[in-house]
Amino acid sequence: MPGAETTSLNAYRRTVYENELEEPEYSFSDDRSDGIEIHAFGRDFAPVGTDEGYVLLTNGMSDRRMTLPASR
């Protein structure tokens, strides 16, 4: 089954992220079927009196080949 290995790697990585950072506040999936996810984990590392910051993690991008622009 194509993509099964990527799906299991994504599930493993997400489990590791959640063990370290808890449940993400926001998650976004790539519209394509290649399994890319973006997770936003809220963190209070901003100076006092300012908004909370976020840690953004991508899950699945390292499973895809890098592309080069058509012209350099």
C-alpha atoms as a PDB file:
ATOM      1  CA  MET A   1       0.000   0.000   0.000  1.00  0.00           C
ATOM      2  CA  PRO A   2       1.690   3.261  -1.106  1.00  0.00           C
ATOM      3  CA  GLY A   3       2.068   5.815   1.649  1.00  0.00           C
ATOM      4  CA  ALA A   4       1.531   3.341   4.513  1.00  0.00           C
ATOM      5  CA  GLU A   5       5.103   3.771   5.737  1.00  0.00           C
ATOM      6  CA  THR A   6       4.739   7.573   5.704  1.00  0.00           C
ATOM      7  CA  THR A   7       1.446   7.324   7.604  1.00  0.00           C
ATOM      8  CA  SER A   8       2.998   5.167  10.322  1.00  0.00           C
ATOM      9  CA  LEU A   9       5.995   7.529  10.596  1.00  0.00           C
ATOM     10  CA  ASN A  10       3.621  10.507  10.906  1.00  0.00           C
ATOM     11  CA  ALA A  11       1.669   8.747  13.656  1.00  0.00           C
ATOM     12  CA  TYR A  12       4.886   7.911  15.527  1.00  0.00           C
ATOM     13  CA  ARG A  13       6.237  11.466  15.259  1.00  0.00           C
ATOM     14  CA  ARG A  14       2.923  12.966  16.371  1.00  0.00           C
ATOM     15  CA  THR A  15       2.940  10.676  19.433  1.00  0.00           C
ATOM     16  CA  VAL A  16       6.441  11.899  20.319  1.00  0.00           C
ATOM     17  CA  TYR A  17       5.381  15.554  19.852  1.00  0.00           C
ATOM     18  CA  GLU A  18       2.331  15.064  22.083  1.00  0.00           C
ATOM     19  CA  ASN A  19       4.350  13.268  24.769  1.00  0.00           C
ATOM     20  CA  GLU A  20       6.733  16.228  24.913  1.00  0.00           C
ATOM     21  CA  LEU A  21       4.394  19.161  24.204  1.00  0.00           C
ATOM     22  CA  GLU A  22       0.881  17.789  24.967  1.00  0.00           C
ATOM     23  CA  GLU A  23      -2.014  18.079  22.504  1.00  0.00           C
ATOM     24  CA  PRO A  24      -1.581  20.745  19.782  1.00  0.00           C
ATOM     25  CA  GLU A  25      -3.952  23.721  19.946  1.00  0.00           C
ATOM     26  CA  TYR A  26      -4.259  23.781  16.161  1.00  0.00           C
ATOM     27  CA  SER A  27      -3.532  21.239  13.437  1.00  0.00           C
ATOM     28  CA  PHE A  28      -3.576  21.768   9.700  1.00  0.00           C
ATOM     29  CA  SER A  29      -3.269  19.113   7.006  1.00  0.00           C
ATOM     30  CA  ASP A  30      -1.859  19.483   3.541  1.00  0.00           C
ATOM     31  CA  ASP A  31      -4.628  19.321   0.925  1.00  0.00           C
ATOM     32  CA  ARG A  32      -2.589  16.805  -1.025  1.00  0.00           C
ATOM     33  CA  SER A  33      -2.532  13.158  -0.044  1.00  0.00           C
ATOM     34  CA  ASP A  34       1.146  13.082   0.954  1.00  0.00           C
ATOM     35  CA  GLY A  35       0.422  13.298   4.680  1.00  0.00           C
ATOM     36  CA  ILE A  36       1.998  16.652   5.604  1.00  0.00           C
ATOM     37  CA  GLU A  37       0.640  18.091   8.849  1.00  0.00           C
ATOM     38  CA  ILE A  38       1.380  21.339  10.688  1.00  0.00           C
ATOM     39  CA  HIS A  39       0.810  21.404  14.443  1.00  0.00           C
ATOM     40  CA  ALA A  40       0.721  24.550  16.590  1.00  0.00           C
ATOM     41  CA  PHE A  41       1.554  24.019  20.269  1.00  0.00           C
ATOM     42  CA  GLY A  42       0.824  27.020  22.505  1.00  0.00           C
ATOM     43  CA  ARG A  43       3.691  28.052  24.763  1.00  0.00           C
ATOM     44  CA  ASP A  44       4.002  30.871  27.260  1.00  0.00           C
ATOM     45  CA  PHE A  45       7.540  31.955  26.396  1.00  0.00           C
ATOM     46  CA  ALA A  46       6.591  35.519  25.454  1.00  0.00           C
ATOM     47  CA  PRO A  47       7.440  38.438  27.750  1.00  0.00           C
ATOM     48  CA  VAL A  48       4.947  39.204  30.506  1.00  0.00           C
ATOM     49  CA  GLY A  49       1.971  41.189  29.246  1.00  0.00           C
ATOM     50  CA  THR A  50       2.225  40.007  25.634  1.00  0.00           C
ATOM     51  CA  ASP A  51       0.399  37.290  23.765  1.00  0.00           C
ATOM     52  CA  GLU A  52       1.277  33.632  24.080  1.00  0.00           C
ATOM     53  CA  GLY A  53       3.728  32.280  21.538  1.00  0.00           C
ATOM     54  CA  TYR A  54       3.452  29.098  19.495  1.00  0.00           C
ATOM     55  CA  VAL A  55       5.803  26.326  18.548  1.00  0.00           C
ATOM     56  CA  LEU A  56       5.068  25.171  14.975  1.00  0.00           C
ATOM     57  CA  LEU A  57       6.073  21.669  13.965  1.00  0.00           C
ATOM     58  CA  THR A  58       5.712  20.099  10.551  1.00  0.00           C
ATOM     59  CA  ASN A  59       5.091  16.399  10.388  1.00  0.00           C
ATOM     60  CA  GLY A  60       5.816  14.584   7.145  1.00  0.00           C
ATOM     61  CA  MET A  61       7.881  17.131   5.201  1.00  0.00           C
ATOM     62  CA  SER A  62      11.062  15.132   5.716  1.00  0.00           C
ATOM     63  CA  ASP A  63       9.375  12.169   3.998  1.00  0.00           C
ATOM     64  CA  ARG A  64       9.056  14.086   0.728  1.00  0.00           C
ATOM     65  CA  ARG A  65      11.771  14.802  -1.819  1.00  0.00           C
ATOM     66  CA  MET A  66      12.945  18.394  -1.937  1.00  0.00           C
ATOM     67  CA  THR A  67      12.149  20.241  -5.142  1.00  0.00           C
ATOM     68  CA  LEU A  68      14.239  22.852  -6.894  1.00  0.00           C
ATOM     69  CA  PRO A  69      12.874  25.948  -8.631  1.00  0.00           C
ATOM     70  CA  ALA A  70      12.545  25.682 -12.423  1.00  0.00           C
ATOM     71  CA  SER A  71      15.157  28.410 -12.866  1.00  0.00           C
ATOM     72  CA  ARG A  72      18.039  29.281 -10.573  1.00  0.00           C
END
